PDB file of all heavy atoms in Angstrom:
ATOM      1  N   PRO A   1    -147.334-177.111 -18.016  1.00  0.00           N
ATOM      2  CA  PRO A   1    -148.278-178.228 -18.116  1.00  0.00           C
ATOM      3  C   PRO A   1    -149.613-177.760 -18.703  1.00  0.00           C
ATOM      4  O   PRO A   1    -150.094-176.681 -18.389  1.00  0.00           O
ATOM      5  CB  PRO A   1    -148.462-178.679 -16.662  1.00  0.00           C
ATOM      6  CG  PRO A   1    -147.282-178.146 -15.931  1.00  0.00           C
ATOM      7  CD  PRO A   1    -146.861-176.895 -16.652  1.00  0.00           C
ATOM      8  N   GLY A   2    -150.171-178.573 -19.559  1.00  0.00           N
ATOM      9  CA  GLY A   2    -151.457-178.242 -20.161  1.00  0.00           C
ATOM     10  C   GLY A   2    -151.820-179.244 -21.227  1.00  0.00           C
ATOM     11  O   GLY A   2    -150.943-179.867 -21.836  1.00  0.00           O
ATOM     12  N   LEU A   3    -153.110-179.394 -21.444  1.00  0.00           N
ATOM     13  CA  LEU A   3    -153.612-180.352 -22.419  1.00  0.00           C
ATOM     14  C   LEU A   3    -153.060-180.083 -23.811  1.00  0.00           C
ATOM     15  O   LEU A   3    -152.644-181.005 -24.511  1.00  0.00           O
ATOM     16  CB  LEU A   3    -155.141-180.316 -22.447  1.00  0.00           C
ATOM     17  CG  LEU A   3    -155.818-181.164 -23.518  1.00  0.00           C
ATOM     18  CD1 LEU A   3    -155.545-182.647 -23.294  1.00  0.00           C
ATOM     19  CD2 LEU A   3    -157.305-180.899 -23.558  1.00  0.00           C
ATOM     20  N   GLU A   4    -153.049-178.810 -24.219  1.00  0.00           N
ATOM     21  CA  GLU A   4    -152.621-178.492 -25.587  1.00  0.00           C
ATOM     22  C   GLU A   4    -151.153-178.848 -25.822  1.00  0.00           C
ATOM     23  O   GLU A   4    -150.777-179.313 -26.902  1.00  0.00           O
ATOM     24  CB  GLU A   4    -152.879-177.018 -25.919  1.00  0.00           C
ATOM     25  CG  GLU A   4    -152.118-176.002 -25.094  1.00  0.00           C
ATOM     26  CD  GLU A   4    -152.753-175.641 -23.758  1.00  0.00           C
ATOM     27  OE1 GLU A   4    -153.660-176.358 -23.303  1.00  0.00           O
ATOM     28  OE2 GLU A   4    -152.319-174.641 -23.163  1.00  0.00           O
ATOM     29  N   TYR A   5    -150.309-178.681 -24.791  1.00  0.00           N
ATOM     30  CA  TYR A   5    -148.891-179.003 -24.965  1.00  0.00           C
ATOM     31  C   TYR A   5    -148.661-180.510 -24.905  1.00  0.00           C
ATOM     32  O   TYR A   5    -147.787-181.049 -25.590  1.00  0.00           O
ATOM     33  CB  TYR A   5    -148.046-178.276 -23.924  1.00  0.00           C
ATOM     34  CG  TYR A   5    -148.205-176.780 -24.009  1.00  0.00           C
ATOM     35  CD1 TYR A   5    -148.665-176.046 -22.925  1.00  0.00           C
ATOM     36  CD2 TYR A   5    -147.929-176.104 -25.198  1.00  0.00           C
ATOM     37  CE1 TYR A   5    -148.832-174.672 -23.009  1.00  0.00           C
ATOM     38  CE2 TYR A   5    -148.093-174.729 -25.287  1.00  0.00           C
ATOM     39  CZ  TYR A   5    -148.543-174.024 -24.200  1.00  0.00           C
ATOM     40  OH  TYR A   5    -148.710-172.670 -24.286  1.00  0.00           O
ATOM     41  N   GLY A   6    -149.449-181.190 -24.073  1.00  0.00           N
ATOM     42  CA  GLY A   6    -149.375-182.650 -24.066  1.00  0.00           C
ATOM     43  C   GLY A   6    -149.785-183.221 -25.410  1.00  0.00           C
ATOM     44  O   GLY A   6    -149.152-184.123 -25.946  1.00  0.00           O
ATOM     45  N   LEU A   7    -150.848-182.664 -25.973  1.00  0.00           N
ATOM     46  CA  LEU A   7    -151.311-183.101 -27.289  1.00  0.00           C
ATOM     47  C   LEU A   7    -150.276-182.781 -28.362  1.00  0.00           C
ATOM     48  O   LEU A   7    -150.025-183.603 -29.249  1.00  0.00           O
ATOM     49  CB  LEU A   7    -152.652-182.438 -27.607  1.00  0.00           C
ATOM     50  CG  LEU A   7    -153.504-183.077 -28.690  1.00  0.00           C
ATOM     51  CD1 LEU A   7    -153.727-184.555 -28.435  1.00  0.00           C
ATOM     52  CD2 LEU A   7    -154.836-182.351 -28.804  1.00  0.00           C
ATOM     53  N   LEU A   8    -149.654-181.626 -28.275  1.00  0.00           N
ATOM     54  CA  LEU A   8    -148.593-181.276 -29.218  1.00  0.00           C
ATOM     55  C   LEU A   8    -147.448-182.284 -29.132  1.00  0.00           C
ATOM     56  O   LEU A   8    -146.907-182.722 -30.151  1.00  0.00           O
ATOM     57  CB  LEU A   8    -148.078-179.862 -28.940  1.00  0.00           C
ATOM     58  CG  LEU A   8    -146.882-179.397 -29.781  1.00  0.00           C
ATOM     59  CD1 LEU A   8    -147.239-179.366 -31.267  1.00  0.00           C
ATOM     60  CD2 LEU A   8    -146.393-178.028 -29.304  1.00  0.00           C
ATOM     61  N   GLY A   9    -147.089-182.681 -27.901  1.00  0.00           N
ATOM     62  CA  GLY A   9    -146.024-183.664 -27.707  1.00  0.00           C
ATOM     63  C   GLY A   9    -146.340-184.999 -28.365  1.00  0.00           C
ATOM     64  O   GLY A   9    -145.489-185.581 -29.043  1.00  0.00           O
ATOM     65  N   VAL A  10    -147.576-185.511 -28.197  1.00  0.00           N
ATOM     66  CA  VAL A  10    -147.913-186.809 -28.798  1.00  0.00           C
ATOM     67  C   VAL A  10    -148.092-186.696 -30.308  1.00  0.00           C
ATOM     68  O   VAL A  10    -147.809-187.649 -31.037  1.00  0.00           O
ATOM     69  CB  VAL A  10    -149.138-187.494 -28.139  1.00  0.00           C
ATOM     70  CG1 VAL A  10    -148.848-187.867 -26.708  1.00  0.00           C
ATOM     71  CG2 VAL A  10    -150.379-186.663 -28.237  1.00  0.00           C
ATOM     72  N   ILE A  11    -148.536-185.541 -30.786  1.00  0.00           N
ATOM     73  CA  ILE A  11    -148.633-185.356 -32.242  1.00  0.00           C
ATOM     74  C   ILE A  11    -147.235-185.403 -32.857  1.00  0.00           C
ATOM     75  O   ILE A  11    -147.008-186.087 -33.872  1.00  0.00           O
ATOM     76  CB  ILE A  11    -149.343-184.030 -32.577  1.00  0.00           C
ATOM     77  CG1 ILE A  11    -150.840-184.159 -32.283  1.00  0.00           C
ATOM     78  CG2 ILE A  11    -149.110-183.626 -34.029  1.00  0.00           C
ATOM     79  CD1 ILE A  11    -151.614-182.854 -32.356  1.00  0.00           C
ATOM     80  N   LEU A  12    -146.291-184.705 -32.225  1.00  0.00           N
ATOM     81  CA  LEU A  12    -144.915-184.749 -32.732  1.00  0.00           C
ATOM     82  C   LEU A  12    -144.330-186.155 -32.626  1.00  0.00           C
ATOM     83  O   LEU A  12    -143.616-186.610 -33.514  1.00  0.00           O
ATOM     84  CB  LEU A  12    -144.046-183.739 -31.983  1.00  0.00           C
ATOM     85  CG  LEU A  12    -144.337-182.276 -32.300  1.00  0.00           C
ATOM     86  CD1 LEU A  12    -143.511-181.356 -31.411  1.00  0.00           C
ATOM     87  CD2 LEU A  12    -144.073-181.979 -33.771  1.00  0.00           C
ATOM     88  N   PHE A  13    -144.659-186.848 -31.526  1.00  0.00           N
ATOM     89  CA  PHE A  13    -144.210-188.236 -31.399  1.00  0.00           C
ATOM     90  C   PHE A  13    -144.746-189.082 -32.555  1.00  0.00           C
ATOM     91  O   PHE A  13    -144.012-189.851 -33.170  1.00  0.00           O
ATOM     92  CB  PHE A  13    -144.658-188.835 -30.062  1.00  0.00           C
ATOM     93  CG  PHE A  13    -144.407-190.307 -29.990  1.00  0.00           C
ATOM     94  CD1 PHE A  13    -143.159-190.795 -29.696  1.00  0.00           C
ATOM     95  CD2 PHE A  13    -145.427-191.211 -30.255  1.00  0.00           C
ATOM     96  CE1 PHE A  13    -142.909-192.159 -29.661  1.00  0.00           C
ATOM     97  CE2 PHE A  13    -145.198-192.570 -30.223  1.00  0.00           C
ATOM     98  CZ  PHE A  13    -143.925-193.044 -29.917  1.00  0.00           C
ATOM     99  N   GLY A  14    -146.044-188.953 -32.848  1.00  0.00           N
ATOM    100  CA  GLY A  14    -146.643-189.721 -33.945  1.00  0.00           C
ATOM    101  C   GLY A  14    -146.011-189.405 -35.282  1.00  0.00           C
ATOM    102  O   GLY A  14    -145.776-190.305 -36.098  1.00  0.00           O
ATOM    103  N   LEU A  15    -145.697-188.136 -35.519  1.00  0.00           N
ATOM    104  CA  LEU A  15    -145.045-187.744 -36.773  1.00  0.00           C
ATOM    105  C   LEU A  15    -143.641-188.340 -36.887  1.00  0.00           C
ATOM    106  O   LEU A  15    -143.260-188.858 -37.941  1.00  0.00           O
ATOM    107  CB  LEU A  15    -144.973-186.219 -36.880  1.00  0.00           C
ATOM    108  CG  LEU A  15    -146.286-185.493 -37.134  1.00  0.00           C
ATOM    109  CD1 LEU A  15    -146.101-183.984 -37.008  1.00  0.00           C
ATOM    110  CD2 LEU A  15    -146.854-185.852 -38.505  1.00  0.00           C
ATOM    111  N   VAL A  16    -142.887-188.270 -35.794  1.00  0.00           N
ATOM    112  CA  VAL A  16    -141.520-188.809 -35.816  1.00  0.00           C
ATOM    113  C   VAL A  16    -141.543-190.327 -35.956  1.00  0.00           C
ATOM    114  O   VAL A  16    -140.832-190.902 -36.799  1.00  0.00           O
ATOM    115  CB  VAL A  16    -140.746-188.386 -34.544  1.00  0.00           C
ATOM    116  CG1 VAL A  16    -139.424-189.134 -34.433  1.00  0.00           C
ATOM    117  CG2 VAL A  16    -140.502-186.886 -34.552  1.00  0.00           C
ATOM    118  N   ALA A  17    -142.371-191.002 -35.135  1.00  0.00           N
ATOM    119  CA  ALA A  17    -142.425-192.471 -35.186  1.00  0.00           C
ATOM    120  C   ALA A  17    -142.890-192.951 -36.555  1.00  0.00           C
ATOM    121  O   ALA A  17    -142.271-193.829 -37.159  1.00  0.00           O
ATOM    122  CB  ALA A  17    -143.353-192.999 -34.085  1.00  0.00           C
ATOM    123  N   GLY A  18    -143.970-192.375 -37.066  1.00  0.00           N
ATOM    124  CA  GLY A  18    -144.461-192.760 -38.390  1.00  0.00           C
ATOM    125  C   GLY A  18    -143.470-192.443 -39.487  1.00  0.00           C
ATOM    126  O   GLY A  18    -143.284-193.216 -40.430  1.00  0.00           O
ATOM    127  N   GLY A  19    -142.804-191.286 -39.376  1.00  0.00           N
ATOM    128  CA  GLY A  19    -141.831-190.886 -40.386  1.00  0.00           C
ATOM    129  C   GLY A  19    -140.626-191.798 -40.440  1.00  0.00           C
ATOM    130  O   GLY A  19    -140.088-192.074 -41.521  1.00  0.00           O
ATOM    131  N   LEU A  20    -140.198-192.322 -39.283  1.00  0.00           N
ATOM    132  CA  LEU A  20    -139.051-193.229 -39.266  1.00  0.00           C
ATOM    133  C   LEU A  20    -139.428-194.653 -39.682  1.00  0.00           C
ATOM    134  O   LEU A  20    -138.584-195.398 -40.160  1.00  0.00           O
ATOM    135  CB  LEU A  20    -138.398-193.227 -37.881  1.00  0.00           C
ATOM    136  CG  LEU A  20    -137.670-191.932 -37.512  1.00  0.00           C
ATOM    137  CD1 LEU A  20    -137.215-191.961 -36.065  1.00  0.00           C
ATOM    138  CD2 LEU A  20    -136.467-191.702 -38.435  1.00  0.00           C
ATOM    139  N   GLN A  21    -140.677-195.034 -39.479  1.00  0.00           N
ATOM    140  CA  GLN A  21    -141.121-196.370 -39.902  1.00  0.00           C
ATOM    141  C   GLN A  21    -141.450-196.412 -41.389  1.00  0.00           C
ATOM    142  O   GLN A  21    -141.297-197.449 -42.028  1.00  0.00           O
ATOM    143  CB  GLN A  21    -142.371-196.788 -39.112  1.00  0.00           C
ATOM    144  CG  GLN A  21    -142.132-197.040 -37.656  1.00  0.00           C
ATOM    145  CD  GLN A  21    -143.429-197.180 -36.893  1.00  0.00           C
ATOM    146  OE1 GLN A  21    -144.511-196.858 -37.381  1.00  0.00           O
ATOM    147  NE2 GLN A  21    -143.333-197.672 -35.666  1.00  0.00           N
ATOM    148  N   TRP A  22    -141.899-195.301 -41.932  1.00  0.00           N
ATOM    149  CA  TRP A  22    -142.407-195.293 -43.303  1.00  0.00           C
ATOM    150  C   TRP A  22    -141.422-195.786 -44.362  1.00  0.00           C
ATOM    151  O   TRP A  22    -141.832-196.501 -45.280  1.00  0.00           O
ATOM    152  CB  TRP A  22    -142.935-193.916 -43.684  1.00  0.00           C
ATOM    153  CG  TRP A  22    -143.435-193.889 -45.090  1.00  0.00           C
ATOM    154  CD1 TRP A  22    -144.612-194.403 -45.548  1.00  0.00           C
ATOM    155  CD2 TRP A  22    -142.750-193.381 -46.227  1.00  0.00           C
ATOM    156  NE1 TRP A  22    -144.708-194.222 -46.904  1.00  0.00           N
ATOM    157  CE2 TRP A  22    -143.572-193.598 -47.344  1.00  0.00           C
ATOM    158  CE3 TRP A  22    -141.520-192.754 -46.400  1.00  0.00           C
ATOM    159  CZ2 TRP A  22    -143.204-193.209 -48.621  1.00  0.00           C
ATOM    160  CZ3 TRP A  22    -141.152-192.368 -47.675  1.00  0.00           C
ATOM    161  CH2 TRP A  22    -141.991-192.601 -48.767  1.00  0.00           C
ATOM    162  N   PRO A  23    -140.134-195.442 -44.293  1.00  0.00           N
ATOM    163  CA  PRO A  23    -139.234-195.948 -45.347  1.00  0.00           C
ATOM    164  C   PRO A  23    -139.281-197.463 -45.522  1.00  0.00           C
ATOM    165  O   PRO A  23    -139.128-197.966 -46.635  1.00  0.00           O
ATOM    166  CB  PRO A  23    -137.848-195.476 -44.889  1.00  0.00           C
ATOM    167  CG  PRO A  23    -138.131-194.233 -44.115  1.00  0.00           C
ATOM    168  CD  PRO A  23    -139.427-194.524 -43.393  1.00  0.00           C
ATOM    169  N   LEU A  24    -139.532-198.195 -44.430  1.00  0.00           N
ATOM    170  CA  LEU A  24    -139.644-199.654 -44.552  1.00  0.00           C
ATOM    171  C   LEU A  24    -140.978-200.078 -45.147  1.00  0.00           C
ATOM    172  O   LEU A  24    -141.102-201.177 -45.669  1.00  0.00           O
ATOM    173  CB  LEU A  24    -139.470-200.319 -43.183  1.00  0.00           C
ATOM    174  CG  LEU A  24    -138.093-200.190 -42.538  1.00  0.00           C
ATOM    175  CD1 LEU A  24    -138.090-200.844 -41.181  1.00  0.00           C
ATOM    176  CD2 LEU A  24    -137.013-200.775 -43.421  1.00  0.00           C
ATOM    177  N   LEU A  25    -141.973-199.210 -45.048  1.00  0.00           N
ATOM    178  CA  LEU A  25    -143.318-199.543 -45.517  1.00  0.00           C
ATOM    179  C   LEU A  25    -143.647-198.936 -46.884  1.00  0.00           C
ATOM    180  O   LEU A  25    -144.744-199.127 -47.382  1.00  0.00           O
ATOM    181  CB  LEU A  25    -144.358-199.045 -44.504  1.00  0.00           C
ATOM    182  CG  LEU A  25    -144.340-199.708 -43.138  1.00  0.00           C
ATOM    183  CD1 LEU A  25    -145.186-198.913 -42.160  1.00  0.00           C
ATOM    184  CD2 LEU A  25    -144.817-201.137 -43.225  1.00  0.00           C
ATOM    185  N   ARG A  26    -142.697-198.219 -47.488  1.00  0.00           N
ATOM    186  CA  ARG A  26    -143.055-197.419 -48.663  1.00  0.00           C
ATOM    187  C   ARG A  26    -143.491-198.235 -49.871  1.00  0.00           C
ATOM    188  O   ARG A  26    -144.173-197.716 -50.738  1.00  0.00           O
ATOM    189  CB  ARG A  26    -141.926-196.459 -49.035  1.00  0.00           C
ATOM    190  CG  ARG A  26    -140.671-197.096 -49.547  1.00  0.00           C
ATOM    191  CD  ARG A  26    -139.607-196.020 -49.822  1.00  0.00           C
ATOM    192  NE  ARG A  26    -138.374-196.599 -50.309  1.00  0.00           N
ATOM    193  CZ  ARG A  26    -137.405-197.060 -49.551  1.00  0.00           C
ATOM    194  NH1 ARG A  26    -137.526-197.001 -48.239  1.00  0.00           N
ATOM    195  NH2 ARG A  26    -136.311-197.590 -50.080  1.00  0.00           N
ATOM    196  N   ARG A  27    -143.118-199.506 -49.929  1.00  0.00           N
ATOM    197  CA  ARG A  27    -143.606-200.339 -51.035  1.00  0.00           C
ATOM    198  C   ARG A  27    -145.100-200.603 -50.892  1.00  0.00           C
ATOM    199  O   ARG A  27    -145.850-200.605 -51.862  1.00  0.00           O
ATOM    200  CB  ARG A  27    -142.838-201.651 -51.090  1.00  0.00           C
ATOM    201  CG  ARG A  27    -143.298-202.541 -52.220  1.00  0.00           C
ATOM    202  CD  ARG A  27    -142.404-203.727 -52.402  1.00  0.00           C
ATOM    203  NE  ARG A  27    -142.917-204.558 -53.482  1.00  0.00           N
ATOM    204  CZ  ARG A  27    -142.311-205.619 -53.946  1.00  0.00           C
ATOM    205  NH1 ARG A  27    -141.144-205.973 -53.444  1.00  0.00           N
ATOM    206  NH2 ARG A  27    -142.837-206.334 -54.899  1.00  0.00           N
ATOM    207  N   GLU A  28    -145.522-200.840 -49.659  1.00  0.00           N
ATOM    208  CA  GLU A  28    -146.929-201.104 -49.391  1.00  0.00           C
ATOM    209  C   GLU A  28    -147.728-199.816 -49.222  1.00  0.00           C
ATOM    210  O   GLU A  28    -148.908-199.765 -49.513  1.00  0.00           O
ATOM    211  CB  GLU A  28    -147.074-201.947 -48.114  1.00  0.00           C
ATOM    212  CG  GLU A  28    -146.428-203.314 -48.194  1.00  0.00           C
ATOM    213  CD  GLU A  28    -147.112-204.232 -49.185  1.00  0.00           C
ATOM    214  OE1 GLU A  28    -148.286-204.011 -49.508  1.00  0.00           O
ATOM    215  OE2 GLU A  28    -146.456-205.180 -49.646  1.00  0.00           O
ATOM    216  N   ILE A  29    -147.068-198.794 -48.690  1.00  0.00           N
ATOM    217  CA  ILE A  29    -147.721-197.513 -48.430  1.00  0.00           C
ATOM    218  C   ILE A  29    -146.929-196.448 -49.183  1.00  0.00           C
ATOM    219  O   ILE A  29    -146.042-195.807 -48.608  1.00  0.00           O
ATOM    220  CB  ILE A  29    -147.758-197.215 -46.917  1.00  0.00           C
ATOM    221  CG1 ILE A  29    -148.374-198.393 -46.143  1.00  0.00           C
ATOM    222  CG2 ILE A  29    -148.529-195.949 -46.631  1.00  0.00           C
ATOM    223  CD1 ILE A  29    -148.275-198.273 -44.645  1.00  0.00           C
ATOM    224  N   PRO A  30    -147.203-196.285 -50.491  1.00  0.00           N
ATOM    225  CA  PRO A  30    -146.365-195.387 -51.289  1.00  0.00           C
ATOM    226  C   PRO A  30    -146.442-193.925 -50.873  1.00  0.00           C
ATOM    227  O   PRO A  30    -145.506-193.173 -51.090  1.00  0.00           O
ATOM    228  CB  PRO A  30    -146.879-195.589 -52.718  1.00  0.00           C
ATOM    229  CG  PRO A  30    -148.209-196.231 -52.583  1.00  0.00           C
ATOM    230  CD  PRO A  30    -148.239-196.954 -51.279  1.00  0.00           C
ATOM    231  N   GLN A  31    -147.525-193.505 -50.268  1.00  0.00           N
ATOM    232  CA  GLN A  31    -147.656-192.127 -49.810  1.00  0.00           C
ATOM    233  C   GLN A  31    -147.489-192.094 -48.291  1.00  0.00           C
ATOM    234  O   GLN A  31    -148.140-192.842 -47.566  1.00  0.00           O
ATOM    235  CB  GLN A  31    -149.028-191.556 -50.194  1.00  0.00           C
ATOM    236  CG  GLN A  31    -149.322-191.604 -51.678  1.00  0.00           C
ATOM    237  CD  GLN A  31    -148.331-190.769 -52.481  1.00  0.00           C
ATOM    238  OE1 GLN A  31    -147.935-189.700 -52.050  1.00  0.00           O
ATOM    239  NE2 GLN A  31    -147.940-191.266 -53.639  1.00  0.00           N
ATOM    240  N   ILE A  32    -146.632-191.212 -47.810  1.00  0.00           N
ATOM    241  CA  ILE A  32    -146.331-191.153 -46.381  1.00  0.00           C
ATOM    242  C   ILE A  32    -147.481-190.562 -45.565  1.00  0.00           C
ATOM    243  O   ILE A  32    -147.665-190.895 -44.399  1.00  0.00           O
ATOM    244  CB  ILE A  32    -145.031-190.352 -46.130  1.00  0.00           C
ATOM    245  CG1 ILE A  32    -144.561-190.537 -44.685  1.00  0.00           C
ATOM    246  CG2 ILE A  32    -145.199-188.890 -46.511  1.00  0.00           C
ATOM    247  CD1 ILE A  32    -143.196-189.952 -44.397  1.00  0.00           C
ATOM    248  N   VAL A  33    -148.295-189.718 -46.176  1.00  0.00           N
ATOM    249  CA  VAL A  33    -149.318-188.975 -45.428  1.00  0.00           C
ATOM    250  C   VAL A  33    -150.306-189.892 -44.691  1.00  0.00           C
ATOM    251  O   VAL A  33    -150.582-189.670 -43.496  1.00  0.00           O
ATOM    252  CB  VAL A  33    -150.049-187.966 -46.340  1.00  0.00           C
ATOM    253  CG1 VAL A  33    -151.217-187.313 -45.621  1.00  0.00           C
ATOM    254  CG2 VAL A  33    -149.067-186.908 -46.833  1.00  0.00           C
ATOM    255  N   PRO A  34    -150.868-190.953 -45.325  1.00  0.00           N
ATOM    256  CA  PRO A  34    -151.813-191.796 -44.572  1.00  0.00           C
ATOM    257  C   PRO A  34    -151.173-192.457 -43.345  1.00  0.00           C
ATOM    258  O   PRO A  34    -151.819-192.571 -42.300  1.00  0.00           O
ATOM    259  CB  PRO A  34    -152.254-192.854 -45.587  1.00  0.00           C
ATOM    260  CG  PRO A  34    -151.966-192.266 -46.917  1.00  0.00           C
ATOM    261  CD  PRO A  34    -150.788-191.370 -46.730  1.00  0.00           C
ATOM    262  N   TRP A  35    -149.926-192.851 -43.470  1.00  0.00           N
ATOM    263  CA  TRP A  35    -149.246-193.498 -42.344  1.00  0.00           C
ATOM    264  C   TRP A  35    -148.995-192.487 -41.225  1.00  0.00           C
ATOM    265  O   TRP A  35    -149.176-192.793 -40.047  1.00  0.00           O
ATOM    266  CB  TRP A  35    -147.950-194.146 -42.813  1.00  0.00           C
ATOM    267  CG  TRP A  35    -147.287-194.964 -41.755  1.00  0.00           C
ATOM    268  CD1 TRP A  35    -146.084-194.714 -41.163  1.00  0.00           C
ATOM    269  CD2 TRP A  35    -147.776-196.162 -41.145  1.00  0.00           C
ATOM    270  NE1 TRP A  35    -145.800-195.678 -40.218  1.00  0.00           N
ATOM    271  CE2 TRP A  35    -146.823-196.573 -40.197  1.00  0.00           C
ATOM    272  CE3 TRP A  35    -148.939-196.920 -41.304  1.00  0.00           C
ATOM    273  CZ2 TRP A  35    -146.995-197.721 -39.425  1.00  0.00           C
ATOM    274  CZ3 TRP A  35    -149.102-198.065 -40.524  1.00  0.00           C
ATOM    275  CH2 TRP A  35    -148.132-198.447 -39.600  1.00  0.00           C
ATOM    276  N   LEU A  36    -148.582-191.281 -41.590  1.00  0.00           N
ATOM    277  CA  LEU A  36    -148.374-190.247 -40.578  1.00  0.00           C
ATOM    278  C   LEU A  36    -149.680-189.887 -39.884  1.00  0.00           C
ATOM    279  O   LEU A  36    -149.728-189.741 -38.663  1.00  0.00           O
ATOM    280  CB  LEU A  36    -147.751-188.994 -41.207  1.00  0.00           C
ATOM    281  CG  LEU A  36    -146.314-189.103 -41.685  1.00  0.00           C
ATOM    282  CD1 LEU A  36    -145.865-187.788 -42.303  1.00  0.00           C
ATOM    283  CD2 LEU A  36    -145.383-189.508 -40.558  1.00  0.00           C
ATOM    284  N   LEU A  37    -150.751-189.738 -40.667  1.00  0.00           N
ATOM    285  CA  LEU A  37    -152.056-189.413 -40.084  1.00  0.00           C
ATOM    286  C   LEU A  37    -152.532-190.510 -39.132  1.00  0.00           C
ATOM    287  O   LEU A  37    -153.084-190.219 -38.066  1.00  0.00           O
ATOM    288  CB  LEU A  37    -153.095-189.177 -41.176  1.00  0.00           C
ATOM    289  CG  LEU A  37    -152.954-187.885 -41.977  1.00  0.00           C
ATOM    290  CD1 LEU A  37    -153.990-187.830 -43.093  1.00  0.00           C
ATOM    291  CD2 LEU A  37    -153.082-186.667 -41.064  1.00  0.00           C
ATOM    292  N   ALA A  38    -152.327-191.766 -39.528  1.00  0.00           N
ATOM    293  CA  ALA A  38    -152.734-192.879 -38.661  1.00  0.00           C
ATOM    294  C   ALA A  38    -151.979-192.843 -37.346  1.00  0.00           C
ATOM    295  O   ALA A  38    -152.567-193.035 -36.273  1.00  0.00           O
ATOM    296  CB  ALA A  38    -152.493-194.215 -39.378  1.00  0.00           C
TER     297      ALA A  38
END
């Protein structure tokens, strides 16, 4: 348990969630990086 590992977990969650949603959004969001960062 620790803040850094909790943060790592949510960062990976954000990357996975954004990465799986992006293919549907690629017409509106042609670059994946802004969506992943958001």
